[in-house]
C-alpha atoms as a PDB file:
ATOM      1  CA  UNK A   1       4.941   6.319 -29.114  1.00  0.00           C
ATOM      2  CA  UNK A   2       4.817   9.360 -26.952  1.00  0.00           C
ATOM      3  CA  UNK A   3       5.094   9.870 -23.065  1.00  0.00           C
ATOM      4  CA  UNK A   4       2.606  12.326 -21.539  1.00  0.00           C
ATOM      5  CA  UNK A   5       2.049  13.745 -17.987  1.00  0.00           C
ATOM      6  CA  UNK A   6      -1.408  13.457 -17.009  1.00  0.00           C
ATOM      7  CA  UNK A   7      -3.191  16.243 -14.531  1.00  0.00           C
ATOM      8  CA  UNK A   8      -6.711  15.629 -15.083  1.00  0.00           C
ATOM      9  CA  UNK A   9      -8.175  13.732 -11.983  1.00  0.00           C
ATOM     10  CA  UNK A  10     -10.952  12.414 -13.392  1.00  0.00           C
ATOM     11  CA  UNK A  11      -8.985  10.937 -16.405  1.00  0.00           C
ATOM     12  CA  UNK A  12      -6.770   9.637 -14.097  1.00  0.00           C
ATOM     13  CA  UNK A  13      -9.435   8.031 -11.848  1.00  0.00           C
ATOM     14  CA  UNK A  14     -11.345   6.426 -15.117  1.00  0.00           C
ATOM     15  CA  UNK A  15      -8.384   4.653 -15.967  1.00  0.00           C
ATOM     16  CA  UNK A  16      -7.339   3.386 -12.530  1.00  0.00           C
ATOM     17  CA  UNK A  17     -10.937   2.177 -11.763  1.00  0.00           C
ATOM     18  CA  UNK A  18     -11.158  -0.326 -14.414  1.00  0.00           C
ATOM     19  CA  UNK A  19      -9.042  -2.656 -11.573  1.00  0.00           C
ATOM     20  CA  UNK A  20      -9.783  -0.395  -8.368  1.00  0.00           C
ATOM     21  CA  UNK A  21      -7.914  -3.250  -5.853  1.00  0.00           C
ATOM     22  CA  UNK A  22      -4.968  -3.771  -8.201  1.00  0.00           C
ATOM     23  CA  UNK A  23      -4.580   0.124  -8.472  1.00  0.00           C
ATOM     24  CA  UNK A  24      -5.891   1.313  -4.651  1.00  0.00           C
ATOM     25  CA  UNK A  25      -3.083   3.041  -3.682  1.00  0.00           C
ATOM     26  CA  UNK A  26      -2.626   5.117  -6.754  1.00  0.00           C
ATOM     27  CA  UNK A  27      -6.759   5.736  -6.591  1.00  0.00           C
ATOM     28  CA  UNK A  28      -5.798   7.156  -2.762  1.00  0.00           C
ATOM     29  CA  UNK A  29      -3.004   9.201  -4.143  1.00  0.00           C
ATOM     30  CA  UNK A  30      -5.723  11.640  -6.012  1.00  0.00           C
ATOM     31  CA  UNK A  31      -7.064  12.565  -3.031  1.00  0.00           C
ATOM     32  CA  UNK A  32      -5.727  16.156  -2.300  1.00  0.00           C
ATOM     33  CA  UNK A  33      -3.775  15.021   1.001  1.00  0.00           C
ATOM     34  CA  UNK A  34      -1.304  13.053  -1.223  1.00  0.00           C
ATOM     35  CA  UNK A  35      -1.963  14.783  -4.982  1.00  0.00           C
ATOM     36  CA  UNK A  36       0.792  17.643  -4.428  1.00  0.00           C
ATOM     37  CA  UNK A  37       3.666  14.685  -4.123  1.00  0.00           C
ATOM     38  CA  UNK A  38       2.444  12.842  -7.327  1.00  0.00           C
ATOM     39  CA  UNK A  39       3.174  12.735 -11.143  1.00  0.00           C
ATOM     40  CA  UNK A  40       1.393  10.740 -13.318  1.00  0.00           C
ATOM     41  CA  UNK A  41       3.148   9.633 -16.873  1.00  0.00           C
ATOM     42  CA  UNK A  42       0.965   7.764 -19.534  1.00  0.00           C
ATOM     43  CA  UNK A  43       1.369   7.006 -23.309  1.00  0.00           C
ATOM     44  CA  UNK A  44      -0.711   8.888 -25.787  1.00  0.00           C
ATOM     45  CA  UNK A  45      -1.581   5.824 -27.656  1.00  0.00           C
ATOM     46  CA  UNK A  46      -1.835   3.459 -24.580  1.00  0.00           C
ATOM     47  CA  UNK A  47      -4.142   3.317 -21.450  1.00  0.00           C
ATOM     48  CA  UNK A  48      -1.455   2.255 -18.947  1.00  0.00           C
ATOM     49  CA  UNK A  49      -0.343   4.846 -16.401  1.00  0.00           C
ATOM     50  CA  UNK A  50       3.136   5.009 -14.030  1.00  0.00           C
ATOM     51  CA  UNK A  51       2.450   7.052 -10.690  1.00  0.00           C
ATOM     52  CA  UNK A  52       5.851   8.442  -9.464  1.00  0.00           C
ATOM     53  CA  UNK A  53       5.088   9.498  -5.456  1.00  0.00           C
ATOM     54  CA  UNK A  54       7.313  11.758  -4.013  1.00  0.00           C
ATOM     55  CA  UNK A  55       5.702  11.819  -0.727  1.00  0.00           C
ATOM     56  CA  UNK A  56       8.399   9.473   0.521  1.00  0.00           C
ATOM     57  CA  UNK A  57      12.208   8.689   1.143  1.00  0.00           C
ATOM     58  CA  UNK A  58      13.078   7.253  -1.170  1.00  0.00           C
ATOM     59  CA  UNK A  59      10.600   8.319  -4.017  1.00  0.00           C
ATOM     60  CA  UNK A  60       7.958   5.392  -4.890  1.00  0.00           C
ATOM     61  CA  UNK A  61       7.026   4.403  -8.390  1.00  0.00           C
ATOM     62  CA  UNK A  62       3.970   2.074  -9.085  1.00  0.00           C
ATOM     63  CA  UNK A  63       3.779   0.495 -12.379  1.00  0.00           C
ATOM     64  CA  UNK A  64       1.241  -2.262 -12.061  1.00  0.00           C
ATOM     65  CA  UNK A  65      -0.465  -3.757 -15.396  1.00  0.00           C
ATOM     66  CA  UNK A  66      -3.170  -6.012 -15.904  1.00  0.00           C
ATOM     67  CA  UNK A  67      -3.742  -5.669 -19.235  1.00  0.00           C
ATOM     68  CA  UNK A  68      -1.479  -4.097 -22.271  1.00  0.00           C
ATOM     69  CA  UNK A  69       1.641  -5.288 -20.685  1.00  0.00           C
ATOM     70  CA  UNK A  70       3.921  -4.293 -23.658  1.00  0.00           C
ATOM     71  CA  UNK A  71       2.406  -0.554 -23.258  1.00  0.00           C
ATOM     72  CA  UNK A  72       3.703  -0.549 -19.727  1.00  0.00           C
ATOM     73  CA  UNK A  73       7.056  -2.149 -20.891  1.00  0.00           C
ATOM     74  CA  UNK A  74       7.339   0.640 -23.318  1.00  0.00           C
ATOM     75  CA  UNK A  75       6.246   3.322 -20.761  1.00  0.00           C
ATOM     76  CA  UNK A  76       8.994   2.445 -18.328  1.00  0.00           C
ATOM     77  CA  UNK A  77      11.727   2.568 -20.936  1.00  0.00           C
ATOM     78  CA  UNK A  78      10.560   5.644 -22.279  1.00  0.00           C
ATOM     79  CA  UNK A  79      10.392   7.513 -18.895  1.00  0.00           C
ATOM     80  CA  UNK A  80      13.481   6.199 -17.349  1.00  0.00           C
ATOM     81  CA  UNK A  81      15.167   9.556 -18.261  1.00  0.00           C
ATOM     82  CA  UNK A  82      12.614  11.030 -16.007  1.00  0.00           C
ATOM     83  CA  UNK A  83      12.685   9.019 -12.846  1.00  0.00           C
ATOM     84  CA  UNK A  84      15.019   9.958 -10.004  1.00  0.00           C
ATOM     85  CA  UNK A  85      18.332   8.487  -9.532  1.00  0.00           C
ATOM     86  CA  UNK A  86      17.223   6.423  -6.765  1.00  0.00           C
ATOM     87  CA  UNK A  87      13.579   5.274  -5.795  1.00  0.00           C
ATOM     88  CA  UNK A  88      11.677   1.866  -4.591  1.00  0.00           C
ATOM     89  CA  UNK A  89       9.314   0.255  -7.108  1.00  0.00           C
ATOM     90  CA  UNK A  90       6.341  -1.806  -7.331  1.00  0.00           C
ATOM     91  CA  UNK A  91       6.354  -3.421 -10.471  1.00  0.00           C
ATOM     92  CA  UNK A  92       4.005  -5.949 -12.191  1.00  0.00           C
ATOM     93  CA  UNK A  93       6.082  -9.211 -12.343  1.00  0.00           C
ATOM     94  CA  UNK A  94       8.389  -9.320 -15.482  1.00  0.00           C
ATOM     95  CA  UNK A  95       8.724  -5.588 -15.973  1.00  0.00           C
ATOM     96  CA  UNK A  96      11.951  -5.138 -14.197  1.00  0.00           C
ATOM     97  CA  UNK A  97      13.713  -5.792 -17.103  1.00  0.00           C
ATOM     98  CA  UNK A  98      12.439  -2.676 -18.471  1.00  0.00           C
ATOM     99  CA  UNK A  99      14.548  -0.642 -16.005  1.00  0.00           C
ATOM    100  CA  UNK A 100      17.565  -2.992 -15.388  1.00  0.00           C
ATOM    101  CA  UNK A 101      19.706  -1.320 -18.397  1.00  0.00           C
ATOM    102  CA  UNK A 102      19.895   2.097 -16.839  1.00  0.00           C
ATOM    103  CA  UNK A 103      19.275   0.901 -13.035  1.00  0.00           C
ATOM    104  CA  UNK A 104      21.065  -1.252 -10.320  1.00  0.00           C
ATOM    105  CA  UNK A 105      18.157  -3.121  -9.151  1.00  0.00           C
ATOM    106  CA  UNK A 106      17.848  -5.453  -5.808  1.00  0.00           C
ATOM    107  CA  UNK A 107      14.538  -7.146  -5.404  1.00  0.00           C
ATOM    108  CA  UNK A 108      12.860  -7.551  -2.259  1.00  0.00           C
ATOM    109  CA  UNK A 109      10.894 -10.571  -3.361  1.00  0.00           C
ATOM    110  CA  UNK A 110       7.108 -11.209  -4.931  1.00  0.00           C
ATOM    111  CA  UNK A 111       4.272  -9.694  -2.820  1.00  0.00           C
ATOM    112  CA  UNK A 112       0.621  -9.688  -3.415  1.00  0.00           C
ATOM    113  CA  UNK A 113      -2.307  -7.198  -3.829  1.00  0.00           C
ATOM    114  CA  UNK A 114      -5.077  -8.315  -1.928  1.00  0.00           C
ATOM    115  CA  UNK A 115      -8.718  -6.834  -1.549  1.00  0.00           C
ATOM    116  CA  UNK A 116     -11.300  -7.031   1.135  1.00  0.00           C
ATOM    117  CA  UNK A 117     -14.111  -9.160  -0.177  1.00  0.00           C
ATOM    118  CA  UNK A 118     -15.919 -11.468   2.109  1.00  0.00           C
ATOM    119  CA  UNK A 119     -16.839  -8.404   4.752  1.00  0.00           C
ATOM    120  CA  UNK A 120     -19.163 -10.854   6.688  1.00  0.00           C
ATOM    121  CA  UNK A 121     -15.951 -12.671   8.071  1.00  0.00           C
ATOM    122  CA  UNK A 122     -14.794  -9.496  10.233  1.00  0.00           C
ATOM    123  CA  UNK A 123     -18.063  -9.927  12.151  1.00  0.00           C
ATOM    124  CA  UNK A 124     -16.671 -13.249  13.651  1.00  0.00           C
ATOM    125  CA  UNK A 125     -13.664 -11.407  15.332  1.00  0.00           C
ATOM    126  CA  UNK A 126     -14.284 -10.340  19.062  1.00  0.00           C
ATOM    127  CA  UNK A 127     -12.756  -6.666  18.844  1.00  0.00           C
ATOM    128  CA  UNK A 128     -13.922  -5.780  22.507  1.00  0.00           C
ATOM    129  CA  UNK A 129     -10.190  -5.132  23.612  1.00  0.00           C
ATOM    130  CA  UNK A 130      -8.999  -2.935  20.701  1.00  0.00           C
ATOM    131  CA  UNK A 131      -8.645   0.788  21.272  1.00  0.00           C
ATOM    132  CA  UNK A 132      -8.618   3.558  18.875  1.00  0.00           C
ATOM    133  CA  UNK A 133      -5.181   5.285  19.136  1.00  0.00           C
ATOM    134  CA  UNK A 134      -4.832   9.144  18.997  1.00  0.00           C
ATOM    135  CA  UNK A 135      -1.942  11.646  18.940  1.00  0.00           C
ATOM    136  CA  UNK A 136      -1.155  10.841  22.958  1.00  0.00           C
ATOM    137  CA  UNK A 137      -0.114   7.200  22.119  1.00  0.00           C
ATOM    138  CA  UNK A 138       2.064   8.551  19.241  1.00  0.00           C
ATOM    139  CA  UNK A 139       5.137   7.623  21.582  1.00  0.00           C
ATOM    140  CA  UNK A 140       3.945   3.967  22.508  1.00  0.00           C
ATOM    141  CA  UNK A 141       3.038   3.744  18.552  1.00  0.00           C
ATOM    142  CA  UNK A 142       6.809   4.588  18.028  1.00  0.00           C
ATOM    143  CA  UNK A 143       8.076   2.280  20.576  1.00  0.00           C
ATOM    144  CA  UNK A 144       6.445  -0.484  19.214  1.00  0.00           C
ATOM    145  CA  UNK A 145       7.516   0.043  15.542  1.00  0.00           C
ATOM    146  CA  UNK A 146      11.133   0.205  17.034  1.00  0.00           C
ATOM    147  CA  UNK A 147      10.843  -3.287  18.891  1.00  0.00           C
ATOM    148  CA  UNK A 148       8.644  -5.150  16.394  1.00  0.00           C
ATOM    149  CA  UNK A 149       8.979  -3.507  12.781  1.00  0.00           C
ATOM    150  CA  UNK A 150      12.145  -1.189  12.162  1.00  0.00           C
ATOM    151  CA  UNK A 151      11.722  -1.197   8.749  1.00  0.00           C
ATOM    152  CA  UNK A 152       8.129   0.237   9.040  1.00  0.00           C
ATOM    153  CA  UNK A 153       6.985   3.396   6.758  1.00  0.00           C
ATOM    154  CA  UNK A 154       4.795   4.711   9.191  1.00  0.00           C
ATOM    155  CA  UNK A 155       3.619   8.232   8.330  1.00  0.00           C
ATOM    156  CA  UNK A 156       2.780  10.459  11.464  1.00  0.00           C
ATOM    157  CA  UNK A 157       0.170  12.197   9.801  1.00  0.00           C
ATOM    158  CA  UNK A 158      -1.929   8.859   9.014  1.00  0.00           C
ATOM    159  CA  UNK A 159      -2.671   8.898  12.785  1.00  0.00           C
ATOM    160  CA  UNK A 160      -4.566  11.713  12.331  1.00  0.00           C
ATOM    161  CA  UNK A 161      -7.189   9.901  10.022  1.00  0.00           C
ATOM    162  CA  UNK A 162      -8.381   8.351  13.502  1.00  0.00           C
ATOM    163  CA  UNK A 163      -7.745   4.865  11.585  1.00  0.00           C
ATOM    164  CA  UNK A 164      -5.380   3.350  13.519  1.00  0.00           C
ATOM    165  CA  UNK A 165      -6.206   0.689  16.313  1.00  0.00           C
ATOM    166  CA  UNK A 166      -4.154  -1.208  18.666  1.00  0.00           C
ATOM    167  CA  UNK A 167      -4.134  -3.362  21.812  1.00  0.00           C
ATOM    168  CA  UNK A 168      -2.252  -3.358  25.100  1.00  0.00           C
ATOM    169  CA  UNK A 169      -1.193  -5.422  27.541  1.00  0.00           C
ATOM    170  CA  UNK A 170      -0.736  -3.864  30.790  1.00  0.00           C
ATOM    171  CA  UNK A 171       0.170  -0.292  30.031  1.00  0.00           C
ATOM    172  CA  UNK A 172       2.400  -1.460  26.926  1.00  0.00           C
ATOM    173  CA  UNK A 173       0.935  -1.043  23.452  1.00  0.00           C
ATOM    174  CA  UNK A 174       1.674  -4.456  21.711  1.00  0.00           C
ATOM    175  CA  UNK A 175      -0.281  -4.852  18.553  1.00  0.00           C
ATOM    176  CA  UNK A 176      -1.342  -2.323  15.846  1.00  0.00           C
ATOM    177  CA  UNK A 177      -3.155  -1.996  12.520  1.00  0.00           C
ATOM    178  CA  UNK A 178      -3.276   1.385  10.606  1.00  0.00           C
ATOM    179  CA  UNK A 179      -3.431   2.877   7.299  1.00  0.00           C
ATOM    180  CA  UNK A 180      -1.102   3.588   4.380  1.00  0.00           C
ATOM    181  CA  UNK A 181      -3.745   5.372   2.193  1.00  0.00           C
ATOM    182  CA  UNK A 182      -7.139   6.709   3.349  1.00  0.00           C
ATOM    183  CA  UNK A 183      -9.440   8.802   1.099  1.00  0.00           C
ATOM    184  CA  UNK A 184     -13.013   9.205   2.302  1.00  0.00           C
ATOM    185  CA  UNK A 185     -13.352  11.190  -1.037  1.00  0.00           C
ATOM    186  CA  UNK A 186     -12.533   8.279  -3.435  1.00  0.00           C
ATOM    187  CA  UNK A 187     -13.744   5.816  -1.064  1.00  0.00           C
ATOM    188  CA  UNK A 188     -10.622   3.737  -0.892  1.00  0.00           C
ATOM    189  CA  UNK A 189      -8.180   2.764   2.101  1.00  0.00           C
ATOM    190  CA  UNK A 190      -4.907   0.255   2.174  1.00  0.00           C
ATOM    191  CA  UNK A 191      -3.655  -0.866   5.329  1.00  0.00           C
ATOM    192  CA  UNK A 192      -0.275  -0.578   6.291  1.00  0.00           C
ATOM    193  CA  UNK A 193       2.198  -0.875   9.343  1.00  0.00           C
ATOM    194  CA  UNK A 194       0.218  -4.165  10.989  1.00  0.00           C
ATOM    195  CA  UNK A 195       2.742  -5.421  13.549  1.00  0.00           C
ATOM    196  CA  UNK A 196       2.344  -7.372  16.807  1.00  0.00           C
ATOM    197  CA  UNK A 197       5.300  -7.218  19.035  1.00  0.00           C
ATOM    198  CA  UNK A 198       7.425 -10.756  19.010  1.00  0.00           C
ATOM    199  CA  UNK A 199       6.379 -11.835  22.696  1.00  0.00           C
ATOM    200  CA  UNK A 200       2.790 -11.654  22.010  1.00  0.00           C
ATOM    201  CA  UNK A 201       2.595 -13.021  18.328  1.00  0.00           C
ATOM    202  CA  UNK A 202       0.491 -16.129  17.514  1.00  0.00           C
ATOM    203  CA  UNK A 203      -2.312 -15.240  20.158  1.00  0.00           C
ATOM    204  CA  UNK A 204      -4.428 -13.578  17.398  1.00  0.00           C
ATOM    205  CA  UNK A 205      -4.390  -9.917  18.376  1.00  0.00           C
ATOM    206  CA  UNK A 206      -3.214  -9.106  14.998  1.00  0.00           C
ATOM    207  CA  UNK A 207      -6.318 -10.470  13.457  1.00  0.00           C
ATOM    208  CA  UNK A 208      -8.527  -8.330  16.093  1.00  0.00           C
ATOM    209  CA  UNK A 209      -6.713  -5.066  15.414  1.00  0.00           C
ATOM    210  CA  UNK A 210      -7.041  -5.431  11.505  1.00  0.00           C
ATOM    211  CA  UNK A 211     -10.903  -6.667  12.037  1.00  0.00           C
ATOM    212  CA  UNK A 212     -11.537  -3.400  14.325  1.00  0.00           C
ATOM    213  CA  UNK A 213      -9.674  -1.285  11.363  1.00  0.00           C
ATOM    214  CA  UNK A 214     -11.442  -3.051   8.486  1.00  0.00           C
ATOM    215  CA  UNK A 215     -14.853  -2.649  10.188  1.00  0.00           C
ATOM    216  CA  UNK A 216     -14.284   1.112  11.046  1.00  0.00           C
ATOM    217  CA  UNK A 217     -12.856   2.031   7.309  1.00  0.00           C
ATOM    218  CA  UNK A 218     -16.248   0.176   6.044  1.00  0.00           C
ATOM    219  CA  UNK A 219     -18.268   3.296   7.155  1.00  0.00           C
ATOM    220  CA  UNK A 220     -16.579   5.919   4.930  1.00  0.00           C
ATOM    221  CA  UNK A 221     -14.892   3.529   1.987  1.00  0.00           C
ATOM    222  CA  UNK A 222     -15.954   0.874  -0.799  1.00  0.00           C
ATOM    223  CA  UNK A 223     -12.634  -0.523  -1.317  1.00  0.00           C
ATOM    224  CA  UNK A 224     -10.238  -1.948   1.041  1.00  0.00           C
ATOM    225  CA  UNK A 225      -6.772  -3.530   0.308  1.00  0.00           C
ATOM    226  CA  UNK A 226      -3.321  -4.233   1.451  1.00  0.00           C
ATOM    227  CA  UNK A 227       0.228  -5.446   0.389  1.00  0.00           C
ATOM    228  CA  UNK A 228       1.968  -8.530   1.806  1.00  0.00           C
ATOM    229  CA  UNK A 229       4.893 -10.584   0.873  1.00  0.00           C
ATOM    230  CA  UNK A 230       4.213 -13.594  -0.840  1.00  0.00           C
ATOM    231  CA  UNK A 231       6.164 -15.917   1.717  1.00  0.00           C
ATOM    232  CA  UNK A 232       4.450 -14.339   4.972  1.00  0.00           C
ATOM    233  CA  UNK A 233       2.412 -17.054   5.255  1.00  0.00           C
ATOM    234  CA  UNK A 234       1.141 -16.136   8.997  1.00  0.00           C
ATOM    235  CA  UNK A 235       0.171 -12.727   7.572  1.00  0.00           C
ATOM    236  CA  UNK A 236      -1.540 -14.242   4.664  1.00  0.00           C
ATOM    237  CA  UNK A 237      -3.644 -16.555   6.876  1.00  0.00           C
ATOM    238  CA  UNK A 238      -4.611 -13.614   8.865  1.00  0.00           C
ATOM    239  CA  UNK A 239      -5.977 -11.298   6.058  1.00  0.00           C
ATOM    240  CA  UNK A 240      -7.435 -14.598   4.258  1.00  0.00           C
ATOM    241  CA  UNK A 241      -9.520 -15.507   7.281  1.00  0.00           C
ATOM    242  CA  UNK A 242     -10.653 -11.887   7.545  1.00  0.00           C
ATOM    243  CA  UNK A 243     -12.284 -12.504   3.793  1.00  0.00           C
ATOM    244  CA  UNK A 244      -9.246 -10.592   1.930  1.00  0.00           C
ATOM    245  CA  UNK A 245      -8.713 -12.468  -1.527  1.00  0.00           C
ATOM    246  CA  UNK A 246      -5.440 -12.414  -3.298  1.00  0.00           C
ATOM    247  CA  UNK A 247      -5.870  -9.785  -6.646  1.00  0.00           C
ATOM    248  CA  UNK A 248      -2.409  -9.740  -8.179  1.00  0.00           C
ATOM    249  CA  UNK A 249       1.114 -10.533  -7.413  1.00  0.00           C
ATOM    250  CA  UNK A 250       3.969  -7.791  -8.086  1.00  0.00           C
ATOM    251  CA  UNK A 251       7.694  -7.211  -7.231  1.00  0.00           C
ATOM    252  CA  UNK A 252       9.103  -4.637  -4.942  1.00  0.00           C
ATOM    253  CA  UNK A 253      12.651  -3.358  -6.088  1.00  0.00           C
ATOM    254  CA  UNK A 254      15.172  -0.891  -4.754  1.00  0.00           C
ATOM    255  CA  UNK A 255      16.402   1.097  -7.943  1.00  0.00           C
ATOM    256  CA  UNK A 256      19.534   3.199  -8.071  1.00  0.00           C
ATOM    257  CA  UNK A 257      20.987   4.716 -11.368  1.00  0.00           C
ATOM    258  CA  UNK A 258      24.119   3.084 -12.539  1.00  0.00           C
ATOM    259  CA  UNK A 259      25.691   6.064 -13.908  1.00  0.00           C
END
């Protein structure tokens, strides 16, 4: 089998659309906003894709398969010499072995891909206290992440999309929901950096800000998804209550070359 690098957006999209919720992040990365940071690998005789996204530090490798697992394993093995020395990976479960010969891998556990399918449940949530966040809210947003989600992957550029929503108690921002990926061109969005201050958890604030965000996004996108760790029972309950369903499981890993 021969590795190829793909550059045609239409061809890439046609492969990803076979399972839009599974590949939602990758579809969003076709948008011009993200495209310049992407490298796409495939097999001439197969229909699997691996995305290397270099717009973060470390870069991220997405290798998600819903069929033809043997092709994805072979593709990962063949592109290993082309990958960075250090990266973060999203791998369909049982694919980590394809990289383990060359990379020291630290697993961050099983995660779920989830997709919003029961949108009518969003209308049952009171969102009257939720406000849209703008550039002047940046310092408050960073303070909240520092207090409640220090390992966040917040990209300040995403605030410019207009799809960050929060709730305050007094003058303090205490809950927020935003997007990792947003593309009105490809009509997809991936939620991310959702958090509530530890002092205000278990009061339904996260549900409210997420519901408001989703209702806003549905005006411009057809598919809304998210990633969540499989053992985060509270988050799973929240998302399922809003109409999200589990699409697939996968593993997140930190990878560093052995030599």
